[in-house]
Amino acid sequence: MLFKKKMEVKKISYDRENEIPVVKSSICTGEKVAGFKDKNTGKFREIQLIKNDKELEGFMKMCDITQIKTEY
């Protein structure tokens, strides 16, 4: 393909007061899942499977953040 369409980044809305963006990574398999963790209950809400750095960057753009915490 010579010309690729630029994909518009769709923003994800979340409760910024009660949720934080987090990447959960498995120690055994290395599988990564991006989502939001509730600050009060610790409950994790999965949003997207992360296969590579490009997908992680895309998730961060959707959340409009520059840094993200990784939990194991």
N, C-alpha and C. Protein backbone atom coordinates (compact mmCIF):
# COMPACT_ATOMS: atom_id res chain seq x y z
N MET A 1 0.82 -1.17 0.00
CA MET A 1 0.00 0.00 0.00
C MET A 1 0.87 1.25 0.00
N LEU A 2 0.64 2.13 -0.92
CA LEU A 2 1.43 3.33 -0.98
C LEU A 2 0.95 4.40 -0.01
N PHE A 3 -0.34 4.54 0.08
CA PHE A 3 -0.89 5.58 0.94
C PHE A 3 -1.77 4.94 2.01
N LYS A 4 -1.49 5.30 3.23
CA LYS A 4 -2.29 4.78 4.33
C LYS A 4 -3.16 5.90 4.88
N LYS A 5 -4.35 5.53 5.27
CA LYS A 5 -5.24 6.50 5.90
C LYS A 5 -4.75 6.76 7.32
N LYS A 6 -4.78 8.01 7.70
CA LYS A 6 -4.45 8.33 9.08
C LYS A 6 -5.66 8.01 9.93
N MET A 7 -5.42 7.20 10.94
CA MET A 7 -6.50 6.82 11.84
C MET A 7 -6.66 7.91 12.90
N GLU A 8 -7.89 8.34 13.09
CA GLU A 8 -8.17 9.33 14.12
C GLU A 8 -8.16 8.62 15.47
N VAL A 9 -7.48 9.23 16.44
CA VAL A 9 -7.38 8.64 17.77
C VAL A 9 -8.66 8.95 18.54
N LYS A 10 -9.35 7.89 18.93
CA LYS A 10 -10.59 8.04 19.70
C LYS A 10 -10.22 8.13 21.18
N LYS A 11 -10.69 9.15 21.84
CA LYS A 11 -10.38 9.36 23.26
C LYS A 11 -11.26 8.46 24.12
N ILE A 12 -10.65 7.94 25.18
CA ILE A 12 -11.36 7.11 26.15
C ILE A 12 -11.71 8.00 27.34
N SER A 13 -12.96 8.00 27.73
CA SER A 13 -13.33 8.78 28.92
C SER A 13 -13.36 7.84 30.12
N TYR A 14 -12.81 8.35 31.21
CA TYR A 14 -12.81 7.60 32.46
C TYR A 14 -12.85 8.58 33.62
N ASP A 15 -13.20 8.09 34.78
CA ASP A 15 -13.31 8.92 35.97
C ASP A 15 -11.91 9.21 36.51
N ARG A 16 -11.38 10.39 36.20
CA ARG A 16 -10.02 10.74 36.58
C ARG A 16 -9.83 10.88 38.09
N GLU A 17 -10.91 11.12 38.82
CA GLU A 17 -10.80 11.24 40.27
C GLU A 17 -10.69 9.88 40.95
N ASN A 18 -11.36 8.86 40.39
CA ASN A 18 -11.41 7.56 41.05
C ASN A 18 -10.68 6.44 40.33
N GLU A 19 -10.21 6.67 39.10
CA GLU A 19 -9.53 5.62 38.34
C GLU A 19 -8.19 6.12 37.81
N ILE A 20 -7.23 5.19 37.72
CA ILE A 20 -5.94 5.51 37.13
C ILE A 20 -5.64 4.51 36.01
N PRO A 21 -5.03 4.98 34.91
CA PRO A 21 -4.64 4.06 33.84
C PRO A 21 -3.47 3.19 34.31
N VAL A 22 -3.56 1.90 34.05
CA VAL A 22 -2.54 0.94 34.50
C VAL A 22 -2.36 -0.12 33.43
N VAL A 23 -1.12 -0.65 33.33
CA VAL A 23 -0.85 -1.82 32.50
C VAL A 23 -0.56 -2.96 33.44
N LYS A 24 -1.31 -4.04 33.32
CA LYS A 24 -1.06 -5.24 34.12
C LYS A 24 -0.24 -6.20 33.26
N SER A 25 0.87 -6.66 33.80
CA SER A 25 1.76 -7.56 33.08
C SER A 25 1.92 -8.86 33.86
N SER A 26 1.79 -9.97 33.16
CA SER A 26 1.96 -11.28 33.78
C SER A 26 3.44 -11.59 33.93
N ILE A 27 3.83 -12.05 35.09
CA ILE A 27 5.22 -12.41 35.33
C ILE A 27 5.58 -13.67 34.53
N CYS A 28 4.67 -14.61 34.45
CA CYS A 28 4.93 -15.90 33.79
C CYS A 28 4.96 -15.77 32.27
N THR A 29 3.92 -15.20 31.69
CA THR A 29 3.80 -15.20 30.23
C THR A 29 4.22 -13.89 29.58
N GLY A 30 4.27 -12.81 30.35
CA GLY A 30 4.62 -11.51 29.79
C GLY A 30 3.46 -10.82 29.11
N GLU A 31 2.27 -11.42 29.17
CA GLU A 31 1.09 -10.82 28.55
C GLU A 31 0.76 -9.51 29.26
N LYS A 32 0.42 -8.48 28.47
CA LYS A 32 0.10 -7.17 29.03
C LYS A 32 -1.31 -6.77 28.65
N VAL A 33 -2.02 -6.20 29.63
CA VAL A 33 -3.38 -5.72 29.42
C VAL A 33 -3.46 -4.30 29.98
N ALA A 34 -3.97 -3.37 29.17
CA ALA A 34 -4.14 -2.00 29.62
C ALA A 34 -5.58 -1.81 30.09
N GLY A 35 -5.73 -0.98 31.11
CA GLY A 35 -7.06 -0.71 31.63
C GLY A 35 -7.01 0.33 32.72
N PHE A 36 -8.03 0.33 33.55
CA PHE A 36 -8.14 1.31 34.61
C PHE A 36 -8.34 0.62 35.95
N LYS A 37 -7.64 1.13 36.95
CA LYS A 37 -7.73 0.58 38.31
C LYS A 37 -8.45 1.59 39.19
N ASP A 38 -9.45 1.12 39.91
CA ASP A 38 -10.20 1.96 40.83
C ASP A 38 -9.32 2.24 42.05
N LYS A 39 -9.14 3.51 42.37
CA LYS A 39 -8.29 3.89 43.50
C LYS A 39 -8.84 3.41 44.84
N ASN A 40 -10.15 3.35 44.96
CA ASN A 40 -10.78 2.99 46.24
C ASN A 40 -10.85 1.49 46.46
N THR A 41 -11.27 0.74 45.45
CA THR A 41 -11.48 -0.70 45.62
C THR A 41 -10.34 -1.55 45.09
N GLY A 42 -9.52 -1.00 44.19
CA GLY A 42 -8.44 -1.77 43.58
C GLY A 42 -8.90 -2.64 42.43
N LYS A 43 -10.18 -2.55 42.07
CA LYS A 43 -10.73 -3.36 40.98
C LYS A 43 -10.17 -2.87 39.64
N PHE A 44 -9.78 -3.82 38.78
CA PHE A 44 -9.19 -3.51 37.48
C PHE A 44 -10.21 -3.73 36.38
N ARG A 45 -10.34 -2.74 35.50
CA ARG A 45 -11.26 -2.81 34.36
C ARG A 45 -10.42 -2.89 33.09
N GLU A 46 -10.43 -4.07 32.42
CA GLU A 46 -9.64 -4.29 31.21
C GLU A 46 -10.21 -3.51 30.03
N ILE A 47 -9.31 -2.93 29.23
CA ILE A 47 -9.72 -2.20 28.04
C ILE A 47 -9.11 -2.81 26.78
N GLN A 48 -7.80 -3.09 26.82
CA GLN A 48 -7.11 -3.49 25.60
C GLN A 48 -5.93 -4.40 25.89
N LEU A 49 -5.75 -5.41 25.06
CA LEU A 49 -4.57 -6.27 25.11
C LEU A 49 -3.42 -5.52 24.45
N ILE A 50 -2.26 -5.50 25.08
CA ILE A 50 -1.09 -4.79 24.55
C ILE A 50 -0.10 -5.83 24.02
N LYS A 51 0.12 -5.81 22.70
CA LYS A 51 1.04 -6.77 22.08
C LYS A 51 2.41 -6.17 21.79
N ASN A 52 2.47 -4.84 21.63
CA ASN A 52 3.75 -4.20 21.32
C ASN A 52 3.74 -2.75 21.80
N ASP A 53 4.87 -2.06 21.64
CA ASP A 53 4.99 -0.68 22.10
C ASP A 53 4.06 0.27 21.37
N LYS A 54 3.79 -0.01 20.10
CA LYS A 54 2.91 0.86 19.32
C LYS A 54 1.49 0.84 19.89
N GLU A 55 1.01 -0.33 20.30
CA GLU A 55 -0.32 -0.42 20.90
C GLU A 55 -0.36 0.29 22.25
N LEU A 56 0.73 0.20 23.01
CA LEU A 56 0.80 0.91 24.29
C LEU A 56 0.76 2.42 24.07
N GLU A 57 1.49 2.90 23.09
CA GLU A 57 1.46 4.33 22.77
C GLU A 57 0.06 4.77 22.34
N GLY A 58 -0.62 3.93 21.58
CA GLY A 58 -1.98 4.23 21.16
C GLY A 58 -2.93 4.33 22.33
N PHE A 59 -2.80 3.42 23.30
CA PHE A 59 -3.64 3.46 24.50
C PHE A 59 -3.37 4.74 25.29
N MET A 60 -2.10 5.11 25.41
CA MET A 60 -1.75 6.32 26.14
C MET A 60 -2.30 7.56 25.45
N LYS A 61 -2.30 7.58 24.13
CA LYS A 61 -2.88 8.71 23.39
C LYS A 61 -4.39 8.77 23.60
N MET A 62 -5.04 7.61 23.61
CA MET A 62 -6.48 7.58 23.82
C MET A 62 -6.85 8.11 25.21
N CYS A 63 -5.99 7.85 26.20
CA CYS A 63 -6.24 8.31 27.56
C CYS A 63 -5.72 9.72 27.80
N ASP A 64 -4.95 10.24 26.85
CA ASP A 64 -4.35 11.57 26.93
C ASP A 64 -3.40 11.67 28.12
N ILE A 65 -2.48 10.67 28.21
CA ILE A 65 -1.47 10.64 29.27
C ILE A 65 -0.08 10.47 28.66
N THR A 66 0.95 10.79 29.43
CA THR A 66 2.34 10.64 28.95
C THR A 66 3.08 9.52 29.66
N GLN A 67 2.63 9.14 30.86
CA GLN A 67 3.26 8.06 31.61
C GLN A 67 2.18 7.11 32.11
N ILE A 68 2.57 5.83 32.24
CA ILE A 68 1.61 4.85 32.73
C ILE A 68 2.34 3.87 33.67
N LYS A 69 1.65 3.47 34.71
CA LYS A 69 2.22 2.55 35.70
C LYS A 69 2.01 1.12 35.26
N THR A 70 3.02 0.27 35.49
CA THR A 70 2.90 -1.15 35.18
C THR A 70 2.87 -1.93 36.49
N GLU A 71 1.88 -2.82 36.61
CA GLU A 71 1.75 -3.67 37.79
C GLU A 71 1.95 -5.12 37.37
N TYR A 72 2.53 -5.89 38.27
CA TYR A 72 2.79 -7.31 38.00
C TYR A 72 1.94 -8.18 38.87
